Protein backbone atom coordinates (compact mmCIF):
# COMPACT_ATOMS: atom_id res chain seq x y z
CA MET A 1 -5.98 -15.64 -49.32
CA PRO A 2 -3.77 -14.20 -46.56
CA LYS A 3 -1.60 -16.51 -44.55
CA PRO A 4 -3.11 -17.30 -41.10
CA SER A 5 0.11 -16.44 -39.27
CA ALA A 6 0.24 -13.04 -40.97
CA VAL A 7 -3.36 -12.31 -39.99
CA VAL A 8 -2.67 -13.09 -36.33
CA LEU A 9 0.28 -10.71 -36.29
CA THR A 10 -1.67 -7.87 -37.85
CA VAL A 11 -4.62 -8.42 -35.49
CA LEU A 12 -2.26 -7.94 -32.57
CA ALA A 13 -0.88 -4.76 -34.11
CA ALA A 14 -4.40 -3.44 -34.53
CA LEU A 15 -5.22 -4.17 -30.92
CA LEU A 16 -2.23 -2.21 -29.75
CA ALA A 17 -3.36 0.83 -31.67
CA GLY A 18 -7.07 0.41 -31.13
CA VAL A 19 -7.31 1.01 -27.39
CA VAL A 20 -7.19 4.67 -26.44
CA PRO A 21 -4.96 5.99 -23.61
CA ALA A 22 -6.30 6.32 -20.10
CA THR A 23 -6.27 10.12 -20.27
CA ALA A 24 -9.00 10.32 -22.95
CA ALA A 25 -12.45 10.96 -21.49
CA HIS A 26 -14.51 9.43 -24.32
CA ALA A 27 -15.35 6.08 -25.88
CA ALA A 28 -12.68 4.01 -27.59
CA ASP A 29 -13.16 4.89 -31.24
CA ASN A 30 -11.39 4.34 -34.58
CA GLY A 31 -13.69 6.47 -36.72
CA GLU A 32 -15.80 3.55 -37.95
CA TRP A 33 -17.01 2.06 -34.69
CA SER A 34 -16.70 2.62 -30.98
CA VAL A 35 -16.92 0.49 -27.84
CA TYR A 36 -17.97 1.89 -24.46
CA PRO A 37 -19.86 1.09 -21.24
CA ALA A 38 -23.63 1.28 -21.59
CA ALA A 39 -25.17 4.38 -20.03
CA SER A 40 -26.13 4.02 -16.39
CA GLU A 41 -28.10 6.04 -13.87
CA LEU A 42 -24.84 7.79 -13.01
CA GLY A 43 -24.47 9.02 -16.59
CA SER A 44 -21.96 8.20 -19.29
CA ARG A 45 -18.78 6.34 -18.40
CA PRO A 46 -15.61 6.42 -20.52
CA TYR A 47 -14.39 3.12 -19.04
CA PHE A 48 -15.53 0.32 -16.76
CA TYR A 49 -14.48 1.05 -13.17
CA LEU A 50 -15.18 -2.07 -11.12
CA SER A 51 -14.42 -3.20 -7.59
CA ALA A 52 -15.12 -6.65 -6.16
CA ASP A 53 -14.19 -9.13 -3.45
CA PRO A 54 -12.61 -12.47 -4.39
CA GLY A 55 -15.40 -14.86 -5.35
CA ALA A 56 -17.85 -12.08 -6.30
CA THR A 57 -19.78 -11.91 -9.58
CA LEU A 58 -20.44 -8.60 -11.34
CA THR A 59 -22.74 -7.81 -14.24
CA ASP A 60 -22.58 -4.86 -16.61
CA ARG A 61 -23.25 -3.98 -20.26
CA VAL A 62 -21.04 -2.94 -23.16
CA THR A 63 -22.21 -1.02 -26.23
CA VAL A 64 -20.79 -1.32 -29.74
CA SER A 65 -21.72 1.57 -32.05
CA ASN A 66 -21.41 1.44 -35.85
CA LYS A 67 -20.72 4.76 -37.58
CA THR A 68 -20.57 3.41 -41.16
CA ALA A 69 -23.27 3.19 -43.83
CA GLY A 70 -23.38 -0.61 -43.77
CA PRO A 71 -23.75 -3.35 -41.13
CA LEU A 72 -20.63 -4.61 -39.36
CA THR A 73 -20.06 -7.91 -37.59
CA PHE A 74 -17.71 -8.20 -34.64
CA ARG A 75 -16.19 -10.84 -32.41
CA LEU A 76 -16.74 -9.63 -28.85
CA TYR A 77 -14.35 -10.84 -26.14
CA ALA A 78 -12.58 -9.82 -22.94
CA ALA A 79 -8.79 -9.44 -22.79
CA ASP A 80 -6.01 -8.79 -20.30
CA ALA A 81 -4.00 -5.59 -20.60
CA TYR A 82 -0.23 -5.09 -20.53
CA ASN A 83 2.45 -2.49 -21.27
CA THR A 84 4.05 -2.76 -24.70
CA ALA A 85 7.79 -3.37 -24.87
CA ARG A 86 8.19 -0.64 -27.50
CA ASP A 87 7.12 2.38 -25.45
CA GLY A 88 5.16 1.14 -22.46
CA GLY A 89 1.81 1.97 -24.05
CA PHE A 90 -1.43 0.31 -22.96
CA ALA A 91 -2.29 -2.77 -25.03
CA VAL A 92 -4.47 -5.87 -24.75
CA ARG A 93 -3.96 -9.54 -25.51
CA ALA A 94 -5.20 -10.98 -28.77
CA ARG A 95 -8.24 -13.22 -28.78
CA ASP A 96 -6.21 -16.42 -29.14
CA GLU A 97 -3.66 -15.55 -26.44
CA LYS A 98 -3.66 -16.96 -22.93
CA GLN A 99 -5.79 -14.80 -20.60
CA ARG A 100 -5.28 -14.85 -16.84
CA GLY A 101 -7.22 -11.90 -15.42
CA VAL A 102 -10.13 -9.90 -16.81
CA GLY A 103 -9.76 -11.77 -20.10
CA ALA A 104 -10.43 -15.09 -18.35
CA TRP A 105 -13.04 -13.84 -15.87
CA ALA A 106 -15.34 -11.73 -18.06
CA ARG A 107 -17.80 -13.34 -20.48
CA PRO A 108 -20.08 -11.36 -22.84
CA GLU A 109 -23.56 -12.83 -23.26
CA ARG A 110 -22.86 -12.99 -27.00
CA ASP A 111 -19.43 -13.42 -28.55
CA ARG A 112 -20.55 -12.38 -32.05
CA VAL A 113 -22.67 -9.31 -32.82
CA THR A 114 -23.87 -7.65 -36.02
CA VAL A 115 -24.42 -3.91 -35.63
CA PRO A 116 -26.69 -2.19 -38.19
CA ALA A 117 -25.56 0.85 -40.14
CA ARG A 118 -25.33 3.92 -37.91
CA GLY A 119 -26.78 1.88 -35.08
CA SER A 120 -25.61 0.30 -31.86
CA VAL A 121 -25.94 -2.96 -29.95
CA THR A 122 -25.68 -3.36 -26.18
CA VAL A 123 -24.53 -6.71 -24.81
CA PRO A 124 -24.61 -7.75 -21.13
CA TYR A 125 -21.57 -9.45 -19.70
CA THR A 126 -20.68 -11.22 -16.46
CA LEU A 127 -17.37 -10.96 -14.62
CA THR A 128 -16.70 -13.62 -12.00
CA VAL A 129 -13.69 -13.04 -9.75
CA PRO A 130 -12.12 -16.33 -8.57
CA GLU A 131 -11.80 -16.98 -4.84
CA SER A 132 -8.03 -17.26 -5.39
CA ALA A 133 -7.70 -13.91 -7.18
CA GLU A 134 -4.87 -11.72 -5.91
CA PRO A 135 -5.89 -8.36 -4.47
CA GLY A 136 -5.04 -5.23 -6.41
CA ASP A 137 -5.57 -3.97 -9.95
CA HIS A 138 -6.41 -6.25 -12.86
CA PRO A 139 -6.58 -4.11 -16.02
CA GLY A 140 -8.20 -5.32 -19.20
CA ALA A 141 -10.68 -4.45 -21.94
CA LEU A 142 -13.82 -5.58 -23.71
CA VAL A 143 -12.83 -5.78 -27.35
CA ALA A 144 -14.85 -5.65 -30.57
CA LEU A 145 -12.82 -7.29 -33.36
CA ASP A 146 -14.01 -6.61 -36.91
CA GLU A 147 -14.54 -9.88 -38.80
CA ARG A 148 -13.50 -8.27 -42.09
CA ILE A 149 -9.95 -8.95 -43.26
CA SER A 150 -8.53 -6.18 -45.41
CA PRO A 151 -5.78 -7.20 -47.86
CA THR A 152 -2.61 -5.16 -48.22
CA GLU A 153 -0.45 -4.53 -51.27
CA GLY A 154 2.90 -6.24 -51.65
CA GLU A 155 4.56 -9.49 -52.56
CA VAL A 156 3.57 -11.16 -49.30
CA ALA A 157 -0.16 -11.67 -48.76
CA VAL A 158 -1.08 -10.11 -45.43
CA GLY A 159 -4.53 -9.49 -44.01
CA ILE A 160 -5.39 -6.79 -41.49
CA GLN A 161 -8.15 -6.92 -38.93
CA GLN A 162 -9.00 -3.95 -36.74
CA ALA A 163 -10.17 -3.95 -33.14
CA VAL A 164 -11.35 -1.40 -30.61
CA GLY A 165 -11.63 -2.01 -26.88
CA ALA A 166 -13.35 -0.37 -23.92
CA ARG A 167 -10.98 -0.42 -20.97
CA VAL A 168 -11.82 -2.29 -17.78
CA HIS A 169 -10.31 -1.06 -14.50
CA LEU A 170 -10.95 -3.88 -12.02
CA ARG A 171 -9.70 -3.76 -8.45
CA VAL A 172 -9.95 -6.89 -6.33
CA ASN A 173 -10.40 -5.83 -2.72
CA GLY A 174 -7.60 -6.56 -0.28
CA PRO A 175 -4.17 -5.17 0.66
CA THR A 176 -2.64 -2.89 -1.97
CA VAL A 177 1.14 -2.81 -2.28
CA PRO A 178 2.68 -0.11 -4.48
CA ALA A 179 6.27 -1.00 -5.40
CA LEU A 180 8.50 0.41 -8.10
CA SER A 181 12.16 -0.15 -9.01
CA VAL A 182 14.76 1.03 -11.52
CA GLU A 183 16.88 -1.87 -12.76
CA ASN A 184 19.79 -2.65 -15.10
CA VAL A 185 20.96 0.90 -15.74
CA THR A 186 23.57 1.04 -18.52
CA LEU A 187 25.33 3.85 -20.37
CA SER A 188 26.95 3.69 -23.80
CA GLN A 189 29.06 6.62 -25.01
CA HIS A 190 29.55 8.05 -28.48
CA ARG A 191 32.55 10.37 -28.77
CA PRO A 192 34.45 11.90 -31.74
CA LEU A 193 37.86 10.45 -32.58
CA VAL A 194 39.59 13.81 -32.08
CA PRO A 195 38.52 15.93 -29.07
CA GLY A 196 36.65 19.09 -30.05
CA THR A 197 35.89 18.00 -33.64
CA GLY A 198 32.32 16.86 -33.00
CA GLU A 199 29.57 16.49 -30.43
CA SER A 200 29.57 13.58 -28.05
CA SER A 201 26.49 11.85 -26.68
CA ALA A 202 25.48 9.02 -24.41
CA LEU A 203 22.58 6.58 -24.46
CA ILE A 204 21.18 5.71 -21.04
CA SER A 205 19.12 2.52 -20.86
CA TYR A 206 17.14 1.27 -17.88
CA THR A 207 14.25 -0.98 -16.87
CA LEU A 208 11.24 0.42 -15.03
CA HIS A 209 9.55 -2.34 -13.04
CA ASN A 210 6.21 -2.21 -11.25
CA ARG A 211 6.72 -4.88 -8.60
CA GLY A 212 3.46 -4.15 -6.79
CA ASN A 213 -0.20 -5.00 -7.33
CA VAL A 214 -1.57 -1.55 -8.24
CA THR A 215 -1.26 0.59 -11.37
CA LEU A 216 1.26 3.40 -11.00
CA ASN A 217 1.72 6.75 -12.73
CA PRO A 218 5.51 7.01 -12.60
CA THR A 219 7.84 9.94 -13.08
CA VAL A 220 11.58 9.58 -13.64
CA ALA A 221 14.27 12.19 -12.95
CA LEU A 222 17.76 11.95 -14.46
CA LYS A 223 20.81 13.45 -12.78
CA ALA A 224 24.43 13.24 -13.95
CA GLU A 225 27.42 14.34 -11.88
CA GLY A 226 31.03 14.64 -12.97
CA LEU A 227 34.33 14.64 -11.12
CA PHE A 228 34.16 16.27 -7.65
CA GLY A 229 30.34 16.17 -7.75
CA ARG A 230 29.94 18.72 -10.55
CA ASP A 231 26.36 18.95 -11.81
CA LEU A 232 26.38 17.95 -15.50
CA LEU A 233 22.71 17.29 -16.19
CA THR A 234 19.36 17.45 -14.39
CA ARG A 235 16.30 16.44 -16.36
CA ARG A 236 12.78 15.13 -15.83
CA LEU A 237 12.22 12.44 -18.44
CA THR A 238 9.21 12.67 -20.73
CA LYS A 239 9.29 9.33 -22.56
CA ILE A 240 7.61 7.55 -19.66
CA PRO A 241 4.33 5.59 -19.91
CA ALA A 242 1.38 7.43 -18.40
CA GLU A 243 0.68 4.32 -16.35
CA LEU A 244 2.67 1.23 -15.50
CA LEU A 245 0.45 -1.79 -14.90
CA PRO A 246 1.02 -4.24 -12.02
CA ARG A 247 3.96 -6.64 -12.42
CA GLN A 248 4.96 -5.08 -15.73
CA ARG A 249 8.53 -4.09 -16.67
CA ILE A 250 9.59 -2.00 -19.65
CA ARG A 251 12.99 -1.12 -21.09
CA LEU A 252 13.44 2.60 -21.78
CA THR A 253 16.23 4.76 -23.20
CA GLU A 254 17.22 8.41 -22.90
CA ARG A 255 19.77 10.18 -25.09
CA TRP A 256 22.16 12.64 -23.45
CA ALA A 257 23.36 15.07 -26.11
CA GLY A 258 26.55 16.92 -25.28
CA ALA A 259 27.79 14.31 -22.82
CA PRO A 260 31.33 15.09 -21.55
CA GLN A 261 34.26 13.85 -23.61
CA LEU A 262 36.63 13.82 -20.65
CA ASP A 263 35.18 13.20 -17.21
CA TRP A 264 34.53 10.64 -14.51
CA GLY A 265 31.20 10.54 -12.72
CA GLU A 266 27.84 8.89 -12.20
CA VAL A 267 24.36 8.91 -13.73
CA ARG A 268 21.40 8.39 -11.38
CA LEU A 269 17.76 7.73 -12.20
CA THR A 270 15.07 8.34 -9.58
CA ALA A 271 11.61 6.87 -10.21
CA SER A 272 8.68 8.14 -8.16
CA ALA A 273 5.02 7.20 -7.92
CA ARG A 274 2.39 7.04 -5.23
CA ASP A 275 4.15 6.38 -1.89
CA VAL A 276 7.26 4.99 -3.62
CA ARG A 277 10.63 6.40 -4.63
CA GLU A 278 13.57 4.35 -5.89
CA THR A 279 17.00 5.34 -7.24
CA ALA A 280 19.59 3.44 -9.26
CA GLY A 281 22.67 4.54 -11.17
CA VAL A 282 25.77 3.69 -13.11
CA SER A 283 29.29 5.14 -13.10
CA PHE A 284 30.97 6.34 -16.29
CA PHE A 285 34.48 7.24 -17.42
CA ALA A 286 34.62 9.48 -20.50
CA LEU A 287 37.93 9.61 -22.41
CA PRO A 288 38.42 10.86 -26.01
CA TRP A 289 39.40 8.09 -28.42
CA LEU A 290 42.59 9.89 -29.49
CA VAL A 291 43.69 10.37 -25.89
CA ALA A 292 42.78 6.78 -25.12
CA GLY A 293 44.81 5.64 -28.13
CA VAL A 294 47.84 7.68 -27.08
CA LEU A 295 47.62 6.35 -23.52
CA CYS A 296 47.28 2.76 -24.75
CA ALA A 297 50.25 3.21 -27.08
CA GLY A 298 52.24 4.69 -24.20
CA LEU A 299 51.35 1.81 -21.90
CA ILE A 300 52.23 -0.77 -24.55
CA GLY A 301 55.53 1.04 -25.22
CA ALA A 302 56.35 1.17 -21.52
CA ALA A 303 55.56 -2.53 -21.13
CA LEU A 304 57.80 -3.42 -24.07
CA TRP A 305 60.63 -1.24 -22.73
CA ILE A 306 60.40 -2.92 -19.30
CA ARG A 307 60.38 -6.34 -20.91
CA LEU A 308 63.45 -5.54 -23.00
CA ARG A 309 65.27 -4.20 -19.94
CA LEU A 310 64.50 -7.37 -18.00
CA ARG A 311 65.64 -9.55 -20.89
CA ALA A 312 68.88 -7.53 -21.18
CA ARG A 313 69.61 -8.02 -17.50
CA ARG A 314 69.07 -11.76 -17.77
CA THR A 315 71.44 -11.86 -20.78
CA VAL A 316 74.21 -9.89 -19.02
CA ALA A 317 73.93 -11.74 -15.72
CA PRO A 318 75.82 -15.03 -16.71
CA GLY A 319 78.85 -13.17 -18.05
CA THR A 320 79.26 -11.14 -14.89
CA ALA A 321 79.06 -14.09 -12.52
């Protein structure tokens, strides 16, 4: 039997992979089952788009569809969403984690459903927004967690559960404050020992922080300048999350191939989103290791020579008095 702690870890991994990105215009689906908003008079909906005042109660319905040849039983629950530390992707909290937003406010009418083969089950749910809820976006999902635990091969017994979630975009009415910042920019350099014998590179790390209460779709531009303001690099970064959820921060990196081996300048990152634009940077001093070694040896030699000269003067001074 798999260890409970291992199962919890693999459930979380499944949740991260089981919720589709915001750009997909279809139900969340893993090939065996899907989860999506029940059809309404307005037609099909890929996600739940909800708006409410603090203290309001909303009702809606979620559908779980089984595409396999046998019945499947699921745990149905609501969960808060967040950006993953790995790449900023959209993910949801596990069932046993602390929920503070949609995961705490939404309650399906049934928390366990069995869906017949090639059939579907629609379950109503209620979402009650507390009077004290902060205005702005509160992302989450309604998740169907398969009760089956699949064993894996290996020396350590690990069980895997899979989950799929229909995203919930909830906005609590009130003032919206978009705010974005670039923080803790660092640069580490990798240079060959002997100038001209290999390619140098630099790794730029930074934190992208959504300090506001609305979801942002950020873009980040990288610009590097050398001595006397020479343009070394201008690039729009692509490894950026499609959306950065409220109050989330993620650590990102960008590799600069062909970084200068001998230069002095600055790297600047400019993050932009709706009505916000923030810039942060870091200075750098590039010096080949061989040149740095020669300079250090020269400085040490000069210091020793000066010390010896001073000692010689102190030694000669008593005899000349």
